[in-house]
Amino acid sequence: MATDYDAPRKTDDELAADSIEELKARRADKASGVVDEDETEAAEGFELPGADLSGEELSVQVLPAQQDEFTCMSCFLVHHRSQLAAWKRKQPICSECAA
């Protein structure tokens, strides 16, 4: 909040004279300037250059888990059996998650 240091300051007597109603009215006036903006509507107006990927297709070949691989039950990544660190509650955990 900006402060005008050149404005005349109130004395202690003037500050004590402010009533509760005046203070509440000032606070309500300050709050009325707040704009309630929907973030999704604001983001719709932004368009990044080169971001139009509507005509692109993703082609990835997905392989099933191999005999020498396991899925870590902590990070849910597929690892080679050499990275198997422990079995916790009958579930495989990789060496990175066990550390």
N, C-alpha and C. Protein backbone atom coordinates (compact mmCIF):
# COMPACT_ATOMS: atom_id res chain seq x y z
N MET A 1 0.85 -1.17 0.00
CA MET A 1 0.00 0.00 0.00
C MET A 1 0.90 1.23 0.00
N ALA A 2 0.63 2.16 -0.90
CA ALA A 2 1.43 3.37 -1.02
C ALA A 2 1.06 4.34 0.10
N THR A 3 2.07 5.05 0.60
CA THR A 3 1.87 6.02 1.67
C THR A 3 2.30 7.38 1.17
N ASP A 4 1.46 8.37 1.35
CA ASP A 4 1.80 9.74 0.97
C ASP A 4 2.44 10.39 2.18
N TYR A 5 3.75 10.54 2.13
CA TYR A 5 4.47 11.09 3.26
C TYR A 5 4.35 12.61 3.34
N ASP A 6 3.86 13.25 2.27
CA ASP A 6 3.70 14.70 2.28
C ASP A 6 2.35 15.14 2.83
N ALA A 7 1.43 14.21 3.00
CA ALA A 7 0.10 14.55 3.52
C ALA A 7 0.22 14.93 4.99
N PRO A 8 -0.62 15.87 5.43
CA PRO A 8 -0.57 16.25 6.85
C PRO A 8 -1.00 15.09 7.73
N ARG A 9 -0.29 14.93 8.83
CA ARG A 9 -0.57 13.81 9.73
C ARG A 9 -1.55 14.25 10.82
N LYS A 10 -2.31 13.27 11.31
CA LYS A 10 -3.26 13.54 12.38
C LYS A 10 -2.54 13.48 13.71
N THR A 11 -3.04 14.26 14.63
CA THR A 11 -2.49 14.23 15.99
C THR A 11 -3.17 13.09 16.74
N ASP A 12 -2.66 12.79 17.94
CA ASP A 12 -3.24 11.74 18.76
C ASP A 12 -4.69 12.03 19.12
N ASP A 13 -5.01 13.30 19.33
CA ASP A 13 -6.38 13.67 19.66
C ASP A 13 -7.32 13.40 18.49
N GLU A 14 -6.86 13.67 17.27
CA GLU A 14 -7.70 13.43 16.09
C GLU A 14 -7.89 11.93 15.86
N LEU A 15 -6.84 11.15 16.09
CA LEU A 15 -6.95 9.71 15.93
C LEU A 15 -7.93 9.11 16.93
N ALA A 16 -7.93 9.61 18.15
CA ALA A 16 -8.84 9.10 19.18
C ALA A 16 -10.28 9.50 18.88
N ALA A 17 -10.47 10.60 18.13
CA ALA A 17 -11.82 11.09 17.84
C ALA A 17 -12.51 10.26 16.76
N ASP A 18 -11.75 9.51 15.98
CA ASP A 18 -12.37 8.67 14.93
C ASP A 18 -13.29 7.65 15.59
N SER A 19 -14.50 7.59 15.09
CA SER A 19 -15.45 6.65 15.67
C SER A 19 -15.31 5.28 15.01
N ILE A 20 -15.85 4.28 15.65
CA ILE A 20 -15.81 2.91 15.13
C ILE A 20 -16.55 2.85 13.79
N GLU A 21 -17.65 3.58 13.67
CA GLU A 21 -18.42 3.55 12.44
C GLU A 21 -17.61 4.11 11.27
N GLU A 22 -16.87 5.20 11.52
CA GLU A 22 -16.04 5.78 10.46
C GLU A 22 -14.94 4.80 10.03
N LEU A 23 -14.35 4.15 11.00
CA LEU A 23 -13.29 3.19 10.68
C LEU A 23 -13.83 2.00 9.89
N LYS A 24 -15.03 1.51 10.27
CA LYS A 24 -15.65 0.41 9.54
C LYS A 24 -15.99 0.84 8.12
N ALA A 25 -16.46 2.09 7.96
CA ALA A 25 -16.82 2.60 6.63
C ALA A 25 -15.57 2.70 5.75
N ARG A 26 -14.46 3.15 6.31
CA ARG A 26 -13.21 3.23 5.55
C ARG A 26 -12.75 1.85 5.11
N ARG A 27 -12.86 0.88 6.01
CA ARG A 27 -12.44 -0.48 5.68
C ARG A 27 -13.33 -1.06 4.58
N ALA A 28 -14.63 -0.79 4.64
CA ALA A 28 -15.55 -1.27 3.61
C ALA A 28 -15.25 -0.61 2.27
N ASP A 29 -14.87 0.67 2.29
CA ASP A 29 -14.54 1.37 1.04
C ASP A 29 -13.29 0.78 0.41
N LYS A 30 -12.32 0.43 1.20
CA LYS A 30 -11.09 -0.18 0.67
C LYS A 30 -11.36 -1.55 0.09
N ALA A 31 -12.25 -2.32 0.73
CA ALA A 31 -12.56 -3.66 0.25
C ALA A 31 -13.39 -3.63 -1.02
N SER A 32 -14.12 -2.53 -1.26
CA SER A 32 -14.96 -2.46 -2.45
C SER A 32 -14.12 -2.37 -3.72
N GLY A 33 -12.87 -1.96 -3.62
CA GLY A 33 -12.00 -1.86 -4.79
C GLY A 33 -11.41 -3.19 -5.21
N VAL A 34 -11.60 -4.24 -4.43
CA VAL A 34 -11.05 -5.54 -4.75
C VAL A 34 -11.88 -6.18 -5.86
N VAL A 35 -11.19 -6.65 -6.89
CA VAL A 35 -11.88 -7.26 -8.03
C VAL A 35 -11.81 -8.76 -7.87
N ASP A 36 -12.95 -9.41 -8.00
CA ASP A 36 -13.02 -10.86 -7.91
C ASP A 36 -12.93 -11.40 -9.32
N GLU A 37 -11.74 -11.89 -9.71
CA GLU A 37 -11.50 -12.31 -11.08
C GLU A 37 -11.33 -13.82 -11.14
N ASP A 38 -11.98 -14.43 -12.10
CA ASP A 38 -11.86 -15.86 -12.29
C ASP A 38 -10.56 -16.15 -13.02
N GLU A 39 -9.70 -16.98 -12.44
CA GLU A 39 -8.39 -17.25 -13.01
C GLU A 39 -8.48 -17.98 -14.34
N THR A 40 -9.46 -18.85 -14.49
CA THR A 40 -9.56 -19.59 -15.74
C THR A 40 -9.97 -18.68 -16.89
N GLU A 41 -10.84 -17.71 -16.63
CA GLU A 41 -11.23 -16.76 -17.67
C GLU A 41 -10.05 -15.87 -18.04
N ALA A 42 -9.27 -15.48 -17.08
CA ALA A 42 -8.10 -14.63 -17.36
C ALA A 42 -7.06 -15.40 -18.16
N ALA A 43 -6.89 -16.68 -17.88
CA ALA A 43 -5.89 -17.48 -18.57
C ALA A 43 -6.30 -17.81 -20.00
N GLU A 44 -7.60 -17.78 -20.30
CA GLU A 44 -8.05 -18.08 -21.65
C GLU A 44 -7.61 -17.02 -22.65
N GLY A 45 -7.37 -15.82 -22.19
CA GLY A 45 -6.96 -14.74 -23.07
C GLY A 45 -5.50 -14.83 -23.48
N PHE A 46 -4.70 -15.59 -22.79
CA PHE A 46 -3.28 -15.70 -23.10
C PHE A 46 -3.05 -16.82 -24.12
N GLU A 47 -2.28 -16.52 -25.13
CA GLU A 47 -1.93 -17.54 -26.10
C GLU A 47 -0.43 -17.52 -26.28
N LEU A 48 0.20 -18.64 -26.02
CA LEU A 48 1.65 -18.73 -26.15
C LEU A 48 2.02 -18.99 -27.60
N PRO A 49 3.11 -18.39 -28.07
CA PRO A 49 3.51 -18.62 -29.46
C PRO A 49 3.94 -20.06 -29.67
N GLY A 50 3.45 -20.68 -30.71
CA GLY A 50 3.82 -22.05 -31.03
C GLY A 50 3.17 -23.08 -30.13
N ALA A 51 2.12 -22.70 -29.41
CA ALA A 51 1.50 -23.62 -28.46
C ALA A 51 0.33 -24.39 -29.05
N ASP A 52 0.02 -24.17 -30.30
CA ASP A 52 -1.11 -24.88 -30.92
C ASP A 52 -0.65 -26.28 -31.31
N LEU A 53 -1.03 -27.26 -30.53
CA LEU A 53 -0.65 -28.65 -30.78
C LEU A 53 -1.86 -29.48 -31.18
N SER A 54 -2.90 -28.83 -31.68
CA SER A 54 -4.13 -29.55 -32.00
C SER A 54 -3.94 -30.54 -33.14
N GLY A 55 -3.01 -30.28 -34.06
CA GLY A 55 -2.81 -31.18 -35.18
C GLY A 55 -1.76 -32.24 -34.92
N GLU A 56 -1.16 -32.24 -33.76
CA GLU A 56 -0.08 -33.17 -33.44
C GLU A 56 -0.63 -34.47 -32.87
N GLU A 57 0.02 -35.56 -33.18
CA GLU A 57 -0.34 -36.85 -32.61
C GLU A 57 0.88 -37.42 -31.90
N LEU A 58 0.66 -38.02 -30.77
CA LEU A 58 1.73 -38.62 -30.00
C LEU A 58 1.78 -40.10 -30.31
N SER A 59 2.93 -40.56 -30.74
CA SER A 59 3.06 -41.98 -31.06
C SER A 59 4.16 -42.58 -30.19
N VAL A 60 3.75 -43.33 -29.20
CA VAL A 60 4.67 -43.97 -28.26
C VAL A 60 4.30 -45.44 -28.19
N GLN A 61 5.31 -46.28 -28.26
CA GLN A 61 5.07 -47.71 -28.16
C GLN A 61 5.19 -48.11 -26.69
N VAL A 62 4.12 -48.63 -26.14
CA VAL A 62 4.10 -49.03 -24.73
C VAL A 62 4.34 -50.54 -24.66
N LEU A 63 5.35 -50.92 -23.89
CA LEU A 63 5.68 -52.33 -23.71
C LEU A 63 5.19 -52.80 -22.36
N PRO A 64 4.74 -54.02 -22.25
CA PRO A 64 4.38 -54.55 -20.93
C PRO A 64 5.63 -54.77 -20.10
N ALA A 65 5.46 -54.89 -18.80
CA ALA A 65 6.61 -55.11 -17.91
C ALA A 65 7.33 -56.40 -18.30
N GLN A 66 8.65 -56.34 -18.34
CA GLN A 66 9.47 -57.49 -18.73
C GLN A 66 9.70 -58.39 -17.51
N GLN A 67 10.27 -59.55 -17.75
CA GLN A 67 10.54 -60.53 -16.68
C GLN A 67 11.52 -59.99 -15.65
N ASP A 68 12.46 -59.15 -16.08
CA ASP A 68 13.49 -58.66 -15.16
C ASP A 68 13.17 -57.25 -14.63
N GLU A 69 11.92 -56.84 -14.66
CA GLU A 69 11.51 -55.52 -14.18
C GLU A 69 10.46 -55.65 -13.09
N PHE A 70 10.35 -54.59 -12.30
CA PHE A 70 9.32 -54.53 -11.26
C PHE A 70 8.84 -53.08 -11.15
N THR A 71 7.67 -52.91 -10.60
CA THR A 71 7.12 -51.58 -10.37
C THR A 71 7.24 -51.25 -8.90
N CYS A 72 7.95 -50.17 -8.60
CA CYS A 72 8.11 -49.74 -7.22
C CYS A 72 6.76 -49.25 -6.69
N MET A 73 6.39 -49.70 -5.51
CA MET A 73 5.11 -49.32 -4.93
C MET A 73 5.18 -48.01 -4.16
N SER A 74 6.34 -47.35 -4.18
CA SER A 74 6.46 -46.05 -3.56
C SER A 74 6.41 -44.94 -4.61
N CYS A 75 7.23 -45.05 -5.66
CA CYS A 75 7.26 -44.03 -6.71
C CYS A 75 6.51 -44.44 -7.97
N PHE A 76 6.10 -45.71 -8.05
CA PHE A 76 5.33 -46.26 -9.16
C PHE A 76 6.06 -46.20 -10.50
N LEU A 77 7.40 -46.25 -10.46
CA LEU A 77 8.19 -46.32 -11.67
C LEU A 77 8.62 -47.76 -11.90
N VAL A 78 8.83 -48.10 -13.16
CA VAL A 78 9.29 -49.44 -13.50
C VAL A 78 10.81 -49.43 -13.47
N HIS A 79 11.40 -50.36 -12.71
CA HIS A 79 12.85 -50.46 -12.55
C HIS A 79 13.31 -51.86 -12.92
N HIS A 80 14.61 -51.95 -13.18
CA HIS A 80 15.24 -53.26 -13.40
C HIS A 80 15.38 -53.95 -12.04
N ARG A 81 15.37 -55.27 -12.03
CA ARG A 81 15.46 -56.05 -10.78
C ARG A 81 16.72 -55.72 -9.98
N SER A 82 17.76 -55.23 -10.63
CA SER A 82 18.99 -54.88 -9.91
C SER A 82 18.78 -53.70 -8.96
N GLN A 83 17.70 -52.92 -9.14
CA GLN A 83 17.41 -51.78 -8.27
C GLN A 83 16.43 -52.12 -7.15
N LEU A 84 16.06 -53.38 -7.04
CA LEU A 84 15.16 -53.81 -5.98
C LEU A 84 15.89 -53.76 -4.65
N ALA A 85 15.38 -52.95 -3.71
CA ALA A 85 16.05 -52.77 -2.43
C ALA A 85 15.40 -53.61 -1.35
N ALA A 86 14.09 -53.62 -1.29
CA ALA A 86 13.42 -54.30 -0.18
C ALA A 86 11.98 -54.61 -0.54
N TRP A 87 11.41 -55.47 0.26
CA TRP A 87 9.98 -55.76 0.17
C TRP A 87 9.36 -55.23 1.45
N LYS A 88 8.55 -54.21 1.36
CA LYS A 88 7.86 -53.67 2.53
C LYS A 88 6.39 -54.03 2.40
N ARG A 89 5.87 -54.70 3.39
CA ARG A 89 4.47 -55.15 3.39
C ARG A 89 4.15 -55.92 2.11
N LYS A 90 5.06 -56.79 1.73
CA LYS A 90 4.92 -57.64 0.55
C LYS A 90 4.80 -56.84 -0.74
N GLN A 91 5.41 -55.63 -0.75
CA GLN A 91 5.42 -54.80 -1.95
C GLN A 91 6.85 -54.41 -2.28
N PRO A 92 7.24 -54.45 -3.56
CA PRO A 92 8.61 -54.11 -3.94
C PRO A 92 8.88 -52.62 -3.84
N ILE A 93 10.07 -52.27 -3.33
CA ILE A 93 10.51 -50.88 -3.19
C ILE A 93 11.88 -50.75 -3.87
N CYS A 94 12.06 -49.72 -4.66
CA CYS A 94 13.34 -49.51 -5.35
C CYS A 94 14.39 -48.95 -4.40
N SER A 95 15.64 -48.98 -4.82
CA SER A 95 16.73 -48.53 -3.95
C SER A 95 16.67 -47.01 -3.70
N GLU A 96 16.16 -46.24 -4.65
CA GLU A 96 16.05 -44.79 -4.45
C GLU A 96 15.02 -44.44 -3.38
N CYS A 97 13.91 -45.14 -3.38
CA CYS A 97 12.86 -44.87 -2.37
C CYS A 97 13.23 -45.43 -1.01
N ALA A 98 14.02 -46.48 -0.99
CA ALA A 98 14.43 -47.09 0.29
C ALA A 98 15.47 -46.25 1.00
N ALA A 99 16.18 -45.40 0.26
CA ALA A 99 17.26 -44.58 0.84
C ALA A 99 16.73 -43.45 1.68
